[in-house]
N, C-alpha and C. Protein backbone atom coordinates (compact mmCIF):
# COMPACT_ATOMS: atom_id res chain seq x y z
N THR A 1 -0.26 -35.20 9.15
CA THR A 1 -0.58 -36.69 8.64
C THR A 1 -1.38 -37.26 9.85
N PRO A 2 -2.14 -38.36 9.26
CA PRO A 2 -3.03 -39.10 10.36
C PRO A 2 -2.28 -39.83 11.40
N THR A 3 -1.18 -40.01 11.29
CA THR A 3 -0.20 -40.54 12.29
C THR A 3 0.38 -39.48 13.43
N GLY A 4 0.23 -38.27 13.11
CA GLY A 4 0.59 -37.08 13.90
C GLY A 4 2.19 -36.81 13.65
N GLN A 5 2.63 -37.30 12.52
CA GLN A 5 4.09 -37.07 12.07
C GLN A 5 4.03 -35.61 11.22
N CYS A 6 5.05 -34.84 11.77
CA CYS A 6 5.22 -33.51 10.66
C CYS A 6 6.14 -33.93 9.60
N LEU A 7 5.62 -33.55 8.41
CA LEU A 7 6.53 -33.62 7.37
C LEU A 7 6.96 -32.39 6.64
N ASP A 8 8.15 -32.63 6.11
CA ASP A 8 8.65 -31.31 5.39
C ASP A 8 7.84 -31.07 4.12
N ARG A 9 7.38 -29.51 4.20
CA ARG A 9 6.89 -29.15 2.92
C ARG A 9 7.97 -28.95 1.79
N ASN A 10 7.44 -29.04 0.46
CA ASN A 10 8.27 -28.64 -0.34
C ASN A 10 7.64 -27.30 -1.23
N GLU A 11 8.55 -26.29 -0.58
CA GLU A 11 8.10 -24.86 -0.97
C GLU A 11 8.15 -24.87 -2.54
N CYS A 12 9.22 -25.39 -3.06
CA CYS A 12 9.36 -25.19 -4.58
C CYS A 12 8.08 -25.74 -5.14
N LEU A 13 7.62 -26.72 -5.04
CA LEU A 13 6.23 -27.28 -5.44
C LEU A 13 5.13 -26.38 -5.19
N GLU A 14 5.03 -26.11 -4.12
CA GLU A 14 3.96 -25.42 -3.42
C GLU A 14 3.72 -24.06 -4.23
N ASN A 15 5.03 -23.21 -4.65
CA ASN A 15 4.95 -22.06 -5.15
C ASN A 15 5.64 -22.15 -6.30
N PRO A 16 5.37 -22.47 -7.18
CA PRO A 16 6.19 -22.50 -8.65
C PRO A 16 6.49 -21.11 -8.98
N GLY A 17 7.69 -20.81 -9.57
CA GLY A 17 8.15 -19.50 -9.89
C GLY A 17 8.61 -18.64 -8.76
N ILE A 18 8.60 -19.43 -7.50
CA ILE A 18 9.04 -18.44 -6.30
C ILE A 18 10.42 -17.81 -6.56
N CYS A 19 11.28 -18.28 -7.22
CA CYS A 19 12.77 -17.82 -7.35
C CYS A 19 12.89 -17.16 -8.43
N ASN A 20 11.88 -17.10 -9.70
CA ASN A 20 12.05 -16.58 -10.92
C ASN A 20 12.89 -15.43 -11.00
N PRO A 21 13.82 -15.35 -12.00
CA PRO A 21 14.27 -16.19 -12.96
C PRO A 21 15.17 -17.14 -12.49
N GLY A 22 15.34 -17.41 -11.21
CA GLY A 22 16.34 -18.71 -10.87
C GLY A 22 15.61 -19.68 -10.43
N GLN A 23 16.66 -20.58 -9.98
CA GLN A 23 16.15 -22.06 -9.63
C GLN A 23 15.79 -22.22 -8.03
N CYS A 24 14.71 -22.93 -7.63
CA CYS A 24 14.46 -23.09 -6.43
C CYS A 24 15.10 -24.49 -6.00
N ILE A 25 15.65 -24.45 -4.77
CA ILE A 25 16.26 -25.40 -4.26
C ILE A 25 15.41 -25.89 -2.81
N ASP A 26 14.83 -27.09 -2.85
CA ASP A 26 14.36 -27.42 -1.50
C ASP A 26 15.07 -27.96 -0.47
N MET A 27 14.87 -27.39 0.58
CA MET A 27 15.81 -27.91 1.76
C MET A 27 15.10 -28.41 2.95
N VAL A 28 15.42 -29.13 3.95
CA VAL A 28 14.61 -29.40 4.93
C VAL A 28 14.10 -28.01 5.71
N GLY A 29 12.80 -27.99 5.80
CA GLY A 29 12.32 -26.86 6.51
C GLY A 29 12.20 -25.50 6.02
N SER A 30 12.89 -25.66 4.66
CA SER A 30 12.65 -24.24 3.90
C SER A 30 13.27 -24.34 2.68
N TYR A 31 13.62 -23.55 1.83
CA TYR A 31 14.11 -23.42 0.45
C TYR A 31 15.09 -22.40 0.33
N ARG A 32 16.03 -22.40 -0.74
CA ARG A 32 16.77 -21.19 -1.10
C ARG A 32 16.56 -21.18 -2.53
N CYS A 33 17.10 -19.77 -3.16
CA CYS A 33 17.07 -19.71 -4.67
C CYS A 33 18.51 -19.67 -4.96
N LEU A 34 18.69 -20.27 -6.14
CA LEU A 34 20.10 -20.12 -7.00
C LEU A 34 19.76 -18.85 -8.17
N CYS A 35 20.58 -17.96 -8.23
CA CYS A 35 19.92 -16.88 -9.29
C CYS A 35 21.10 -16.97 -10.33
N PRO A 36 20.55 -16.46 -11.57
CA PRO A 36 21.38 -16.39 -12.85
C PRO A 36 22.24 -15.25 -12.70
N ASN A 37 23.14 -15.08 -13.74
CA ASN A 37 24.16 -13.96 -13.78
C ASN A 37 23.00 -12.51 -13.93
N GLY A 38 23.41 -11.65 -13.47
CA GLY A 38 22.63 -10.22 -13.57
C GLY A 38 21.56 -10.22 -12.23
N TYR A 39 21.44 -11.08 -11.28
CA TYR A 39 20.54 -11.31 -10.31
C TYR A 39 21.45 -11.82 -9.04
N LYS A 40 20.87 -11.35 -7.80
CA LYS A 40 21.29 -11.80 -6.57
C LYS A 40 20.26 -12.11 -5.71
N THR A 41 20.47 -12.98 -4.80
CA THR A 41 19.58 -13.65 -3.87
C THR A 41 19.32 -12.30 -2.63
N THR A 42 18.09 -12.50 -2.26
CA THR A 42 17.95 -11.56 -0.98
C THR A 42 18.64 -12.12 0.14
N ARG A 43 18.72 -11.24 1.21
CA ARG A 43 19.64 -11.80 2.48
C ARG A 43 19.17 -13.05 2.90
N ASP A 44 18.02 -13.30 3.16
CA ASP A 44 17.47 -14.66 3.36
C ASP A 44 17.28 -15.83 2.27
N GLN A 45 17.98 -15.39 1.21
CA GLN A 45 18.01 -16.27 -0.03
C GLN A 45 16.57 -16.75 -0.56
N SER A 46 15.58 -15.94 -0.45
CA SER A 46 14.20 -16.44 -0.48
C SER A 46 13.82 -16.06 -1.93
N MET A 47 14.43 -15.08 -2.73
CA MET A 47 14.09 -14.46 -3.91
C MET A 47 15.50 -13.92 -4.47
N CYS A 48 15.25 -13.84 -6.10
CA CYS A 48 16.17 -13.47 -7.02
C CYS A 48 15.65 -11.95 -7.35
N VAL A 49 16.75 -10.99 -7.03
CA VAL A 49 16.26 -9.69 -7.54
C VAL A 49 17.53 -9.18 -8.35
N ASP A 50 17.03 -8.30 -9.31
CA ASP A 50 17.98 -7.63 -10.31
C ASP A 50 19.27 -6.92 -9.56
N VAL A 51 20.20 -7.20 -10.21
CA VAL A 51 21.66 -6.28 -9.88
C VAL A 51 21.38 -5.18 -10.40
N ASP A 52 21.94 -3.98 -9.91
CA ASP A 52 22.27 -2.76 -10.38
C ASP A 52 23.58 -2.58 -10.81
N GLU A 53 23.90 -3.11 -11.97
CA GLU A 53 25.19 -2.97 -12.49
C GLU A 53 26.00 -1.59 -12.58
N CYS A 54 24.97 -0.69 -12.79
CA CYS A 54 25.45 0.61 -13.08
C CYS A 54 26.09 1.31 -11.46
N GLU A 55 25.79 0.64 -10.51
CA GLU A 55 26.28 1.14 -8.89
C GLU A 55 27.96 1.11 -9.15
N ARG A 56 28.42 0.18 -9.88
CA ARG A 56 29.84 0.01 -9.83
C ARG A 56 30.72 0.80 -10.97
N GLN A 57 29.59 1.72 -11.95
CA GLN A 57 30.23 2.61 -12.63
C GLN A 57 31.12 1.93 -13.78
N PRO A 58 30.39 0.87 -14.37
CA PRO A 58 31.23 0.23 -15.53
C PRO A 58 31.51 0.95 -16.99
N CYS A 59 30.93 1.88 -17.02
CA CYS A 59 30.94 2.61 -18.55
C CYS A 59 32.05 3.61 -18.68
N GLY A 60 32.66 4.03 -17.73
CA GLY A 60 33.70 4.95 -17.95
C GLY A 60 33.38 6.03 -18.58
N ASN A 61 33.60 6.27 -19.81
CA ASN A 61 33.34 7.54 -20.54
C ASN A 61 32.00 7.33 -21.29
N GLY A 62 31.07 7.20 -20.33
CA GLY A 62 29.57 6.92 -21.09
C GLY A 62 28.64 6.82 -19.88
N THR A 63 27.34 6.77 -20.01
CA THR A 63 26.32 6.64 -18.98
C THR A 63 25.84 5.29 -19.13
N CYS A 64 25.62 4.85 -18.01
CA CYS A 64 24.89 3.28 -17.60
C CYS A 64 23.51 3.33 -17.57
N LYS A 65 22.98 2.37 -18.22
CA LYS A 65 21.49 2.19 -18.02
C LYS A 65 21.44 0.78 -17.71
N ASN A 66 20.75 0.58 -16.27
CA ASN A 66 20.48 -0.73 -15.94
C ASN A 66 19.21 -1.13 -16.63
N THR A 67 19.58 -2.47 -17.11
CA THR A 67 18.42 -3.22 -17.56
C THR A 67 18.02 -4.59 -16.73
N VAL A 68 16.87 -5.21 -17.04
CA VAL A 68 16.70 -6.40 -16.18
C VAL A 68 17.71 -7.42 -16.48
N GLY A 69 18.59 -7.88 -15.53
CA GLY A 69 19.61 -8.95 -15.48
C GLY A 69 20.73 -8.35 -16.26
N SER A 70 20.85 -7.01 -16.77
CA SER A 70 22.18 -6.80 -17.51
C SER A 70 22.26 -5.11 -17.29
N TYR A 71 22.88 -4.55 -18.22
CA TYR A 71 23.15 -3.20 -18.43
C TYR A 71 23.54 -2.78 -19.91
N ASN A 72 23.48 -1.33 -20.11
CA ASN A 72 23.90 -1.01 -21.35
C ASN A 72 24.86 0.27 -21.35
N CYS A 73 25.59 0.49 -21.79
CA CYS A 73 26.65 1.79 -21.87
C CYS A 73 26.30 2.63 -22.99
N LEU A 74 25.80 4.05 -22.79
CA LEU A 74 25.55 4.83 -23.79
C LEU A 74 26.79 6.04 -23.75
N CYS A 75 27.56 5.61 -24.90
CA CYS A 75 29.00 6.29 -24.72
C CYS A 75 28.93 7.62 -25.20
N TYR A 76 29.70 8.37 -24.57
CA TYR A 76 29.91 9.97 -25.02
C TYR A 76 30.41 10.12 -26.52
N PRO A 77 30.30 11.12 -27.10
CA PRO A 77 30.84 11.36 -28.45
C PRO A 77 32.37 11.29 -28.40
N GLY A 78 32.88 10.41 -29.45
CA GLY A 78 34.31 10.30 -29.55
C GLY A 78 34.66 8.95 -28.84
N PHE A 79 33.65 8.22 -28.31
CA PHE A 79 33.96 6.93 -27.39
C PHE A 79 32.92 5.81 -28.04
N GLN A 80 33.37 4.56 -28.10
CA GLN A 80 32.39 3.58 -28.47
C GLN A 80 32.45 2.34 -27.44
N ASN A 81 31.65 1.29 -27.87
CA ASN A 81 31.40 0.14 -26.70
C ASN A 81 32.41 -0.39 -27.18
N SER A 82 33.25 -1.14 -26.15
CA SER A 82 34.34 -2.13 -26.47
C SER A 82 33.53 -3.70 -26.39
N HIS A 83 34.29 -4.51 -26.55
CA HIS A 83 33.77 -5.98 -26.57
C HIS A 83 33.30 -6.36 -25.05
N ASN A 84 33.78 -5.69 -24.08
CA ASN A 84 33.28 -5.88 -22.62
C ASN A 84 32.37 -4.79 -22.11
N SER A 85 31.89 -4.08 -23.01
CA SER A 85 30.71 -3.36 -22.81
C SER A 85 31.00 -2.09 -22.41
N ASP A 86 32.28 -1.75 -21.96
CA ASP A 86 32.56 -0.36 -21.62
C ASP A 86 32.84 0.62 -22.61
N CYS A 87 33.16 2.01 -22.61
CA CYS A 87 33.21 2.76 -23.53
C CYS A 87 34.67 3.24 -23.52
N ILE A 88 35.28 2.98 -24.69
CA ILE A 88 36.80 3.15 -25.27
C ILE A 88 36.89 4.31 -26.02
N ASP A 89 38.12 5.05 -26.07
CA ASP A 89 38.15 5.98 -26.85
C ASP A 89 38.22 5.61 -28.59
N VAL A 90 37.48 6.57 -29.37
CA VAL A 90 37.70 6.22 -30.95
C VAL A 90 39.13 6.73 -31.38
N ASP A 91 39.85 6.14 -31.98
CA ASP A 91 40.97 6.70 -32.58
C ASP A 91 40.87 7.26 -34.10
N GLU A 92 40.30 8.37 -34.21
CA GLU A 92 39.70 8.97 -35.22
C GLU A 92 40.94 8.98 -36.39
N CYS A 93 42.21 9.05 -35.93
CA CYS A 93 43.50 9.38 -36.88
C CYS A 93 43.45 7.92 -37.76
N SER A 94 43.08 6.66 -37.14
CA SER A 94 43.11 5.36 -37.59
C SER A 94 41.80 5.20 -38.54
N THR A 95 40.71 5.65 -38.00
CA THR A 95 39.21 5.18 -38.70
C THR A 95 38.85 6.27 -39.68
N GLN A 96 39.24 7.31 -39.80
CA GLN A 96 38.80 8.24 -40.74
C GLN A 96 40.18 8.85 -41.45
N ARG A 97 40.07 8.53 -42.69
CA ARG A 97 40.99 8.95 -43.72
C ARG A 97 41.12 10.41 -43.91
N GLY A 98 42.20 11.11 -44.32
CA GLY A 98 42.18 12.41 -44.58
C GLY A 98 41.73 13.44 -43.62
N LEU A 99 41.63 13.13 -42.53
CA LEU A 99 41.32 14.30 -41.44
C LEU A 99 42.41 15.42 -41.39
N CYS A 100 43.47 15.16 -41.53
CA CYS A 100 44.73 16.46 -41.35
C CYS A 100 45.44 16.45 -42.70
N ARG A 101 44.79 16.84 -43.76
CA ARG A 101 45.56 17.39 -44.81
C ARG A 101 46.57 17.95 -44.72
N ASN A 102 47.82 17.81 -45.16
CA ASN A 102 48.88 18.90 -45.03
C ASN A 102 49.30 18.89 -43.47
N GLY A 103 49.05 17.91 -42.60
CA GLY A 103 49.45 17.72 -41.25
C GLY A 103 49.41 16.49 -40.80
N GLN A 104 49.58 16.56 -39.58
CA GLN A 104 49.65 15.07 -38.76
C GLN A 104 48.46 14.98 -37.85
N CYS A 105 47.81 13.87 -37.87
CA CYS A 105 46.45 13.72 -37.01
C CYS A 105 47.23 13.12 -35.70
N VAL A 106 46.61 13.53 -34.45
CA VAL A 106 47.01 13.19 -33.20
C VAL A 106 45.77 12.76 -32.45
N ASN A 107 45.69 11.44 -32.31
CA ASN A 107 44.49 11.08 -31.39
C ASN A 107 44.67 11.46 -29.97
N THR A 108 43.66 12.20 -29.47
CA THR A 108 43.53 12.49 -27.85
C THR A 108 42.23 11.79 -27.51
N LEU A 109 42.31 11.82 -25.96
CA LEU A 109 40.88 11.21 -25.37
C LEU A 109 39.47 11.82 -25.89
N GLY A 110 38.85 11.13 -26.69
CA GLY A 110 37.54 11.76 -26.89
C GLY A 110 37.41 12.31 -28.36
N THR A 111 38.70 12.80 -28.60
CA THR A 111 38.83 13.58 -30.03
C THR A 111 40.19 13.54 -30.72
N PHE A 112 40.52 14.41 -31.61
CA PHE A 112 41.81 14.33 -32.03
C PHE A 112 42.26 16.08 -32.41
N LEU A 113 43.68 16.04 -32.85
CA LEU A 113 44.00 17.44 -33.24
C LEU A 113 44.89 17.21 -34.35
N CYS A 114 44.84 18.22 -35.14
CA CYS A 114 45.87 18.33 -36.25
C CYS A 114 46.88 19.11 -36.14
N MET A 115 48.21 18.62 -36.15
CA MET A 115 49.44 19.29 -36.03
C MET A 115 49.79 19.66 -37.66
N CYS A 116 49.61 20.93 -38.04
CA CYS A 116 49.95 21.47 -39.42
C CYS A 116 51.41 21.31 -39.84
N ASN A 117 51.74 20.79 -41.11
CA ASN A 117 53.07 20.91 -41.61
C ASN A 117 53.63 22.29 -41.80
N ASP A 118 54.76 22.46 -41.68
CA ASP A 118 55.48 23.96 -41.91
C ASP A 118 54.85 24.40 -43.00
N GLY A 119 54.57 25.76 -42.83
CA GLY A 119 53.76 26.56 -43.81
C GLY A 119 52.38 26.38 -43.99
N TYR A 120 51.71 25.63 -43.14
CA TYR A 120 50.34 25.47 -43.15
C TYR A 120 49.73 25.76 -41.85
N GLU A 121 48.29 26.32 -41.76
CA GLU A 121 47.83 26.46 -40.49
C GLU A 121 46.30 26.02 -40.83
N LEU A 122 45.60 25.95 -39.57
CA LEU A 122 44.15 25.40 -39.59
C LEU A 122 43.33 26.65 -39.78
């Protein structure tokens, strides 16, 4: 300034989108980013970067695919997505009628077995 006084720069106004997709918070002599879910700040808090949720192996009986800001589970056969996005066993005995005629259906992890009644075989 003409008075020789040093003024704080507002990096958030000077660089719109510097924290995208997060929010820029101006601080004296600096700034920091607040990041939404699925993102984390860099060590110096100057940027938001995607979190690789697949590193924590959230899918169990499936394959994890990282997406920008989130992830998807691709479940193995015999498993389905649950409400919290991991892969859980399908109970074929409950969901499919008539699987084991003249026998009893027994659900197992990822599949099922038929236990035949006396006098019957698979």
